[in-house]
Amino acid sequence: MIRIADDPKARIVTFDRPERRNALTLDGLEALSEAVREAEQPVVYLHGAGTAFCAGADLDVVAGSDEESANALATHGQRVADDIEGAESVVVAGIDGPARGGGVELALACDLRVATPEATFSEPGVSLGIFGAWGGTARLPEIVGMGDALDLALSGRVIDAAEAHRMGLVSRVTDRPRAVADELAANDPDALRAVKGRIRDRSPRSDQLAREANVFGKLVAANADDIAARRE
């Protein structure tokens, strides 16, 4: 269900269940979490096998849940999304095809979302009497704003890559999303981790700025020779 391929600068994590549009069970969620948390590379590239990115939770699992187990499924998905957001590596979602429900929510937890022109996005839960509960109601308005978040979540409508880019749901639209991950991976790994950590920091502003200065100082000291050579 989750396939991993490593090279020195990037870990490629693939949703590998194309016959179910890469829908995830609890085991799949756990495997995804481990793949991201245990990555030693500075960049993780997350994408789907076949024609879809990810359809979210396997509806067979949802349909077989009672209130307690449905709560546990939501909590598990939220934790995995938090693991993606909190990973030391920069996580790039490469979206080539449909992203639905929990697939959108996992993408929202990534640092960059890069789509091909063929990508589409939807939160269709309302048509089934449910909604996405892997952190989407918190992250979606943070990323696209309250108006677009309510539109997407309440309507369940499908949007294309161009509209997703307009509202900030995706960072770039390109025929080669993997190239964006490779572009990032060409940068200094310590700087990548530092920038992600600083931008993701939700501490009070004064604490953020103090940490920013501290980390900047350490990076300058560690890379003094390269910085000096660049000046010449």
Foldseek 3Di string as FASTA:
>chain_A
DWDWDDDQAEIEIELEDVVQLSADDLVRLVVLLCSQQVDPHQEYEQAYPDQWGYAYHDVVQVVPDDPVVNVVVLVSLLVSLVSQLPHLHQYEYETHHEQEQSSLSSNLSGPAYEYEQRYKYAFQVVVVVGTRRNCLVPRVCVFQNDVVSCVRGVVRDMDTPVVCCVSRSHVYYDPDSVVVRVVVSVDDSLVSSLVSVLVSDPDPPVVSVVVNVVSVVVVCVVCVVVVVVVVD
